[in-house]
Amino acid sequence: MSQLSEQQCEACSWDAPRATDSEIEQWRASIPEWQIIERDGIMQLERSFKFRNFRQALEFTNKVGEIAEEVGHHPALLTEWGKVTVTWWSHEMKGLHKNDFILAARTDEVASTDEVAK
């Protein structure tokens, strides 16, 4: 487990402080395969995971859904044959929060236990 994934998520509202540039740089070191993208002016974390078939992709999607439900913070999940794209961002505050990085790290841990195609 990474130190980031072991941290606790905190309640996040529309006026919560967004991640600063220095925090983003620090936290990204723990999740190097995630990309920061911008959609409609909103920074988001995104990564695609490849699988051997749809069943494995769907199982992974459900596991990511379980970690999201545990903390009440939900990603966008696009499940396709052999591929799942996960996008984390804090919807209410329209940007990135530490919670997004924590959950990206937890998503990586789920992937490390699943049959992700290398």
N, C-alpha and C. Protein backbone atom coordinates (compact mmCIF):
# COMPACT_ATOMS: atom_id res chain seq x y z
N MET A 1 0.83 -1.20 0.00
CA MET A 1 0.00 0.00 0.00
C MET A 1 0.87 1.25 0.00
N SER A 2 0.44 2.23 -0.76
CA SER A 2 1.16 3.50 -0.73
C SER A 2 0.70 4.31 0.47
N GLN A 3 1.54 5.21 0.92
CA GLN A 3 1.16 6.07 2.05
C GLN A 3 -0.07 6.88 1.70
N LEU A 4 -0.17 7.31 0.45
CA LEU A 4 -1.32 8.11 0.03
C LEU A 4 -2.62 7.31 0.16
N SER A 5 -2.61 6.07 -0.26
CA SER A 5 -3.84 5.27 -0.21
C SER A 5 -4.30 4.97 1.21
N GLU A 6 -3.40 5.05 2.17
CA GLU A 6 -3.73 4.77 3.56
C GLU A 6 -4.34 5.98 4.27
N GLN A 7 -4.27 7.14 3.65
CA GLN A 7 -4.81 8.34 4.29
C GLN A 7 -6.33 8.33 4.21
N GLN A 8 -6.95 9.06 5.12
CA GLN A 8 -8.40 9.13 5.19
C GLN A 8 -8.94 10.25 4.30
N CYS A 9 -10.04 9.96 3.64
CA CYS A 9 -10.72 11.01 2.89
C CYS A 9 -11.46 11.90 3.88
N GLU A 10 -11.62 13.15 3.50
CA GLU A 10 -12.35 14.08 4.36
C GLU A 10 -13.58 14.59 3.64
N ALA A 11 -14.54 15.04 4.41
CA ALA A 11 -15.75 15.59 3.80
C ALA A 11 -15.37 16.76 2.92
N CYS A 12 -15.97 16.82 1.77
CA CYS A 12 -15.59 17.84 0.78
C CYS A 12 -16.85 18.55 0.29
N SER A 13 -16.86 19.87 0.37
CA SER A 13 -18.00 20.65 -0.10
C SER A 13 -17.54 21.59 -1.20
N TRP A 14 -18.45 22.33 -1.77
CA TRP A 14 -18.15 23.20 -2.90
C TRP A 14 -17.09 24.25 -2.55
N ASP A 15 -16.99 24.62 -1.28
CA ASP A 15 -16.03 25.66 -0.88
C ASP A 15 -14.74 25.09 -0.26
N ALA A 16 -14.54 23.78 -0.40
CA ALA A 16 -13.31 23.16 0.11
C ALA A 16 -12.12 23.67 -0.72
N PRO A 17 -10.96 23.75 -0.10
CA PRO A 17 -9.79 24.23 -0.84
C PRO A 17 -9.35 23.22 -1.90
N ARG A 18 -9.12 23.71 -3.08
CA ARG A 18 -8.60 22.85 -4.15
C ARG A 18 -7.15 22.53 -3.88
N ALA A 19 -6.69 21.45 -4.46
CA ALA A 19 -5.29 21.07 -4.34
C ALA A 19 -4.43 22.16 -4.98
N THR A 20 -3.36 22.53 -4.30
CA THR A 20 -2.44 23.53 -4.83
C THR A 20 -1.50 22.85 -5.82
N ASP A 21 -0.78 23.65 -6.60
CA ASP A 21 0.18 23.09 -7.56
C ASP A 21 1.24 22.26 -6.85
N SER A 22 1.72 22.71 -5.71
CA SER A 22 2.76 21.96 -4.99
C SER A 22 2.19 20.66 -4.41
N GLU A 23 0.94 20.68 -3.94
CA GLU A 23 0.32 19.45 -3.44
C GLU A 23 0.11 18.46 -4.59
N ILE A 24 -0.34 18.95 -5.72
CA ILE A 24 -0.54 18.08 -6.89
C ILE A 24 0.77 17.41 -7.28
N GLU A 25 1.83 18.19 -7.33
CA GLU A 25 3.14 17.64 -7.67
C GLU A 25 3.56 16.57 -6.67
N GLN A 26 3.36 16.83 -5.41
CA GLN A 26 3.73 15.88 -4.35
C GLN A 26 2.91 14.59 -4.45
N TRP A 27 1.61 14.71 -4.57
CA TRP A 27 0.73 13.54 -4.59
C TRP A 27 0.87 12.73 -5.88
N ARG A 28 1.15 13.41 -6.99
CA ARG A 28 1.30 12.69 -8.27
C ARG A 28 2.48 11.74 -8.25
N ALA A 29 3.45 12.00 -7.40
CA ALA A 29 4.60 11.09 -7.30
C ALA A 29 4.16 9.70 -6.87
N SER A 30 3.06 9.60 -6.13
CA SER A 30 2.54 8.31 -5.67
C SER A 30 1.67 7.62 -6.71
N ILE A 31 1.22 8.36 -7.72
CA ILE A 31 0.33 7.80 -8.75
C ILE A 31 0.82 8.21 -10.14
N PRO A 32 2.04 7.82 -10.51
CA PRO A 32 2.66 8.34 -11.74
C PRO A 32 1.94 7.99 -13.04
N GLU A 33 1.11 6.96 -13.05
CA GLU A 33 0.45 6.57 -14.29
C GLU A 33 -0.85 7.34 -14.55
N TRP A 34 -1.25 8.17 -13.61
CA TRP A 34 -2.46 8.97 -13.78
C TRP A 34 -2.12 10.26 -14.51
N GLN A 35 -3.03 10.66 -15.37
CA GLN A 35 -2.88 11.91 -16.11
C GLN A 35 -3.79 12.97 -15.52
N ILE A 36 -3.33 14.20 -15.54
CA ILE A 36 -4.22 15.31 -15.19
C ILE A 36 -4.74 15.86 -16.50
N ILE A 37 -6.06 15.86 -16.60
CA ILE A 37 -6.71 16.39 -17.80
C ILE A 37 -7.63 17.53 -17.37
N GLU A 38 -8.05 18.30 -18.34
CA GLU A 38 -8.99 19.37 -18.05
C GLU A 38 -10.18 19.24 -18.99
N ARG A 39 -11.37 19.16 -18.40
CA ARG A 39 -12.61 19.10 -19.18
C ARG A 39 -13.51 20.23 -18.71
N ASP A 40 -13.94 21.04 -19.64
CA ASP A 40 -14.83 22.16 -19.30
C ASP A 40 -14.24 23.02 -18.18
N GLY A 41 -12.92 23.20 -18.20
CA GLY A 41 -12.25 24.03 -17.22
C GLY A 41 -12.06 23.38 -15.86
N ILE A 42 -12.32 22.07 -15.76
CA ILE A 42 -12.22 21.35 -14.49
C ILE A 42 -11.08 20.34 -14.57
N MET A 43 -10.11 20.48 -13.66
CA MET A 43 -9.01 19.53 -13.61
C MET A 43 -9.50 18.21 -13.05
N GLN A 44 -9.05 17.10 -13.69
CA GLN A 44 -9.45 15.77 -13.29
C GLN A 44 -8.26 14.82 -13.40
N LEU A 45 -8.30 13.74 -12.62
CA LEU A 45 -7.30 12.67 -12.71
C LEU A 45 -7.91 11.54 -13.53
N GLU A 46 -7.14 11.01 -14.48
CA GLU A 46 -7.69 9.96 -15.32
C GLU A 46 -6.63 8.91 -15.65
N ARG A 47 -7.08 7.67 -15.67
CA ARG A 47 -6.21 6.56 -16.06
C ARG A 47 -7.06 5.46 -16.67
N SER A 48 -6.52 4.81 -17.69
CA SER A 48 -7.18 3.66 -18.30
C SER A 48 -6.45 2.39 -17.90
N PHE A 49 -7.22 1.35 -17.64
CA PHE A 49 -6.71 0.05 -17.26
C PHE A 49 -7.16 -0.95 -18.31
N LYS A 50 -6.27 -1.83 -18.74
CA LYS A 50 -6.60 -2.82 -19.76
C LYS A 50 -6.77 -4.19 -19.14
N PHE A 51 -7.73 -4.93 -19.71
CA PHE A 51 -8.05 -6.27 -19.24
C PHE A 51 -8.14 -7.22 -20.43
N ARG A 52 -8.19 -8.50 -20.13
CA ARG A 52 -8.23 -9.50 -21.20
C ARG A 52 -9.62 -9.65 -21.81
N ASN A 53 -10.65 -9.23 -21.07
CA ASN A 53 -12.01 -9.38 -21.60
C ASN A 53 -12.97 -8.45 -20.86
N PHE A 54 -14.22 -8.49 -21.25
CA PHE A 54 -15.21 -7.61 -20.64
C PHE A 54 -15.52 -8.01 -19.19
N ARG A 55 -15.56 -9.30 -18.92
CA ARG A 55 -15.87 -9.76 -17.56
C ARG A 55 -14.87 -9.20 -16.55
N GLN A 56 -13.58 -9.26 -16.86
CA GLN A 56 -12.56 -8.73 -15.95
C GLN A 56 -12.69 -7.22 -15.80
N ALA A 57 -13.00 -6.54 -16.91
CA ALA A 57 -13.19 -5.09 -16.85
C ALA A 57 -14.38 -4.73 -15.96
N LEU A 58 -15.44 -5.49 -16.09
CA LEU A 58 -16.64 -5.24 -15.29
C LEU A 58 -16.39 -5.52 -13.81
N GLU A 59 -15.66 -6.59 -13.51
CA GLU A 59 -15.33 -6.89 -12.11
C GLU A 59 -14.50 -5.76 -11.49
N PHE A 60 -13.55 -5.26 -12.25
CA PHE A 60 -12.73 -4.14 -11.77
C PHE A 60 -13.60 -2.90 -11.54
N THR A 61 -14.49 -2.61 -12.47
CA THR A 61 -15.41 -1.48 -12.33
C THR A 61 -16.19 -1.58 -11.03
N ASN A 62 -16.70 -2.77 -10.73
CA ASN A 62 -17.47 -2.96 -9.51
C ASN A 62 -16.62 -2.77 -8.27
N LYS A 63 -15.36 -3.21 -8.30
CA LYS A 63 -14.48 -3.04 -7.14
C LYS A 63 -14.17 -1.56 -6.91
N VAL A 64 -13.96 -0.81 -7.99
CA VAL A 64 -13.73 0.63 -7.86
C VAL A 64 -15.00 1.29 -7.31
N GLY A 65 -16.15 0.83 -7.76
CA GLY A 65 -17.41 1.33 -7.24
C GLY A 65 -17.55 1.10 -5.74
N GLU A 66 -17.06 -0.04 -5.27
CA GLU A 66 -17.12 -0.35 -3.84
C GLU A 66 -16.24 0.61 -3.02
N ILE A 67 -15.03 0.91 -3.50
CA ILE A 67 -14.19 1.84 -2.73
C ILE A 67 -14.79 3.24 -2.76
N ALA A 68 -15.45 3.58 -3.86
CA ALA A 68 -16.11 4.89 -3.95
C ALA A 68 -17.26 4.99 -2.95
N GLU A 69 -18.06 3.94 -2.87
CA GLU A 69 -19.20 3.93 -1.96
C GLU A 69 -18.76 4.02 -0.50
N GLU A 70 -17.63 3.38 -0.18
CA GLU A 70 -17.13 3.40 1.20
C GLU A 70 -16.92 4.82 1.72
N VAL A 71 -16.53 5.74 0.83
CA VAL A 71 -16.21 7.10 1.27
C VAL A 71 -17.19 8.14 0.72
N GLY A 72 -18.15 7.71 -0.09
CA GLY A 72 -19.13 8.64 -0.64
C GLY A 72 -18.54 9.62 -1.64
N HIS A 73 -17.56 9.15 -2.40
CA HIS A 73 -16.90 9.99 -3.43
C HIS A 73 -16.80 9.14 -4.68
N HIS A 74 -17.40 9.60 -5.77
CA HIS A 74 -17.61 8.73 -6.92
C HIS A 74 -16.93 9.23 -8.19
N PRO A 75 -16.27 8.33 -8.90
CA PRO A 75 -15.60 8.68 -10.14
C PRO A 75 -16.53 8.51 -11.33
N ALA A 76 -16.06 8.96 -12.48
CA ALA A 76 -16.68 8.57 -13.75
C ALA A 76 -15.98 7.27 -14.14
N LEU A 77 -16.77 6.28 -14.52
CA LEU A 77 -16.24 4.98 -14.91
C LEU A 77 -16.76 4.63 -16.30
N LEU A 78 -15.86 4.43 -17.24
CA LEU A 78 -16.23 4.01 -18.58
C LEU A 78 -15.71 2.59 -18.76
N THR A 79 -16.63 1.64 -18.83
CA THR A 79 -16.28 0.23 -18.95
C THR A 79 -16.53 -0.21 -20.40
N GLU A 80 -15.48 -0.73 -21.01
CA GLU A 80 -15.55 -1.20 -22.38
C GLU A 80 -14.98 -2.62 -22.42
N TRP A 81 -15.04 -3.26 -23.58
CA TRP A 81 -14.44 -4.57 -23.70
C TRP A 81 -12.94 -4.42 -23.50
N GLY A 82 -12.43 -5.05 -22.43
CA GLY A 82 -11.01 -5.06 -22.17
C GLY A 82 -10.41 -3.76 -21.66
N LYS A 83 -11.23 -2.82 -21.24
CA LYS A 83 -10.69 -1.54 -20.82
C LYS A 83 -11.65 -0.82 -19.88
N VAL A 84 -11.09 -0.19 -18.85
CA VAL A 84 -11.87 0.67 -17.95
C VAL A 84 -11.11 1.99 -17.80
N THR A 85 -11.80 3.09 -18.03
CA THR A 85 -11.22 4.40 -17.81
C THR A 85 -11.86 4.97 -16.55
N VAL A 86 -11.00 5.35 -15.60
CA VAL A 86 -11.46 5.89 -14.31
C VAL A 86 -11.05 7.36 -14.25
N THR A 87 -12.00 8.21 -13.90
CA THR A 87 -11.74 9.64 -13.78
C THR A 87 -12.23 10.12 -12.41
N TRP A 88 -11.29 10.64 -11.64
CA TRP A 88 -11.60 11.18 -10.31
C TRP A 88 -11.50 12.70 -10.33
N TRP A 89 -12.47 13.37 -9.72
CA TRP A 89 -12.42 14.79 -9.42
C TRP A 89 -13.51 15.08 -8.41
N SER A 90 -13.41 16.19 -7.77
CA SER A 90 -14.39 16.57 -6.75
C SER A 90 -15.47 17.40 -7.43
N HIS A 91 -16.60 16.77 -7.63
CA HIS A 91 -17.69 17.35 -8.41
C HIS A 91 -18.18 18.67 -7.85
N GLU A 92 -18.44 18.71 -6.54
CA GLU A 92 -19.02 19.92 -5.95
C GLU A 92 -18.11 21.12 -6.05
N MET A 93 -16.81 20.91 -5.87
CA MET A 93 -15.88 22.04 -5.90
C MET A 93 -15.29 22.26 -7.29
N LYS A 94 -15.64 21.38 -8.22
CA LYS A 94 -15.22 21.51 -9.62
C LYS A 94 -13.71 21.60 -9.77
N GLY A 95 -13.02 20.63 -9.18
CA GLY A 95 -11.57 20.60 -9.28
C GLY A 95 -11.00 19.42 -8.53
N LEU A 96 -9.71 19.46 -8.31
CA LEU A 96 -9.02 18.37 -7.62
C LEU A 96 -8.85 18.67 -6.14
N HIS A 97 -9.07 17.65 -5.35
CA HIS A 97 -8.93 17.69 -3.89
C HIS A 97 -8.06 16.51 -3.50
N LYS A 98 -7.51 16.53 -2.33
CA LYS A 98 -6.68 15.42 -1.87
C LYS A 98 -7.41 14.08 -1.96
N ASN A 99 -8.72 14.09 -1.72
CA ASN A 99 -9.51 12.86 -1.81
C ASN A 99 -9.33 12.17 -3.17
N ASP A 100 -9.25 12.95 -4.23
CA ASP A 100 -9.11 12.38 -5.57
C ASP A 100 -7.81 11.61 -5.71
N PHE A 101 -6.76 12.13 -5.14
CA PHE A 101 -5.46 11.47 -5.19
C PHE A 101 -5.44 10.22 -4.32
N ILE A 102 -6.08 10.30 -3.16
CA ILE A 102 -6.18 9.13 -2.27
C ILE A 102 -6.92 8.00 -2.99
N LEU A 103 -8.02 8.33 -3.64
CA LEU A 103 -8.82 7.30 -4.30
C LEU A 103 -8.16 6.81 -5.59
N ALA A 104 -7.40 7.65 -6.24
CA ALA A 104 -6.63 7.16 -7.39
C ALA A 104 -5.60 6.13 -6.92
N ALA A 105 -4.96 6.39 -5.79
CA ALA A 105 -3.98 5.44 -5.23
C ALA A 105 -4.68 4.14 -4.83
N ARG A 106 -5.87 4.24 -4.27
CA ARG A 106 -6.62 3.04 -3.91
C ARG A 106 -7.06 2.27 -5.16
N THR A 107 -7.39 2.99 -6.21
CA THR A 107 -7.75 2.35 -7.48
C THR A 107 -6.55 1.56 -8.02
N ASP A 108 -5.36 2.14 -7.93
CA ASP A 108 -4.15 1.43 -8.34
C ASP A 108 -3.97 0.14 -7.55
N GLU A 109 -4.29 0.18 -6.27
CA GLU A 109 -4.16 -1.03 -5.45
C GLU A 109 -5.16 -2.10 -5.87
N VAL A 110 -6.37 -1.68 -6.21
CA VAL A 110 -7.36 -2.64 -6.72
C VAL A 110 -6.82 -3.26 -8.01
N ALA A 111 -6.25 -2.45 -8.87
CA ALA A 111 -5.71 -2.94 -10.14
C ALA A 111 -4.56 -3.91 -9.92
N SER A 112 -3.78 -3.68 -8.88
CA SER A 112 -2.62 -4.55 -8.64
C SER A 112 -3.05 -5.95 -8.20
N THR A 113 -4.27 -6.09 -7.71
CA THR A 113 -4.77 -7.40 -7.29
C THR A 113 -5.64 -8.04 -8.36
N ASP A 114 -6.00 -7.30 -9.40
CA ASP A 114 -6.82 -7.83 -10.49
C ASP A 114 -5.92 -8.26 -11.65
N GLU A 115 -6.55 -8.88 -12.62
CA GLU A 115 -5.81 -9.35 -13.79
C GLU A 115 -5.74 -8.26 -14.85
N VAL A 116 -5.03 -7.21 -14.51
CA VAL A 116 -4.84 -6.11 -15.45
C VAL A 116 -3.80 -6.55 -16.46
N ALA A 117 -4.09 -6.39 -17.74
CA ALA A 117 -3.13 -6.74 -18.78
C ALA A 117 -1.97 -5.77 -18.74
N LYS A 118 -0.79 -6.27 -18.82
CA LYS A 118 0.41 -5.41 -18.77
C LYS A 118 0.79 -4.94 -20.16
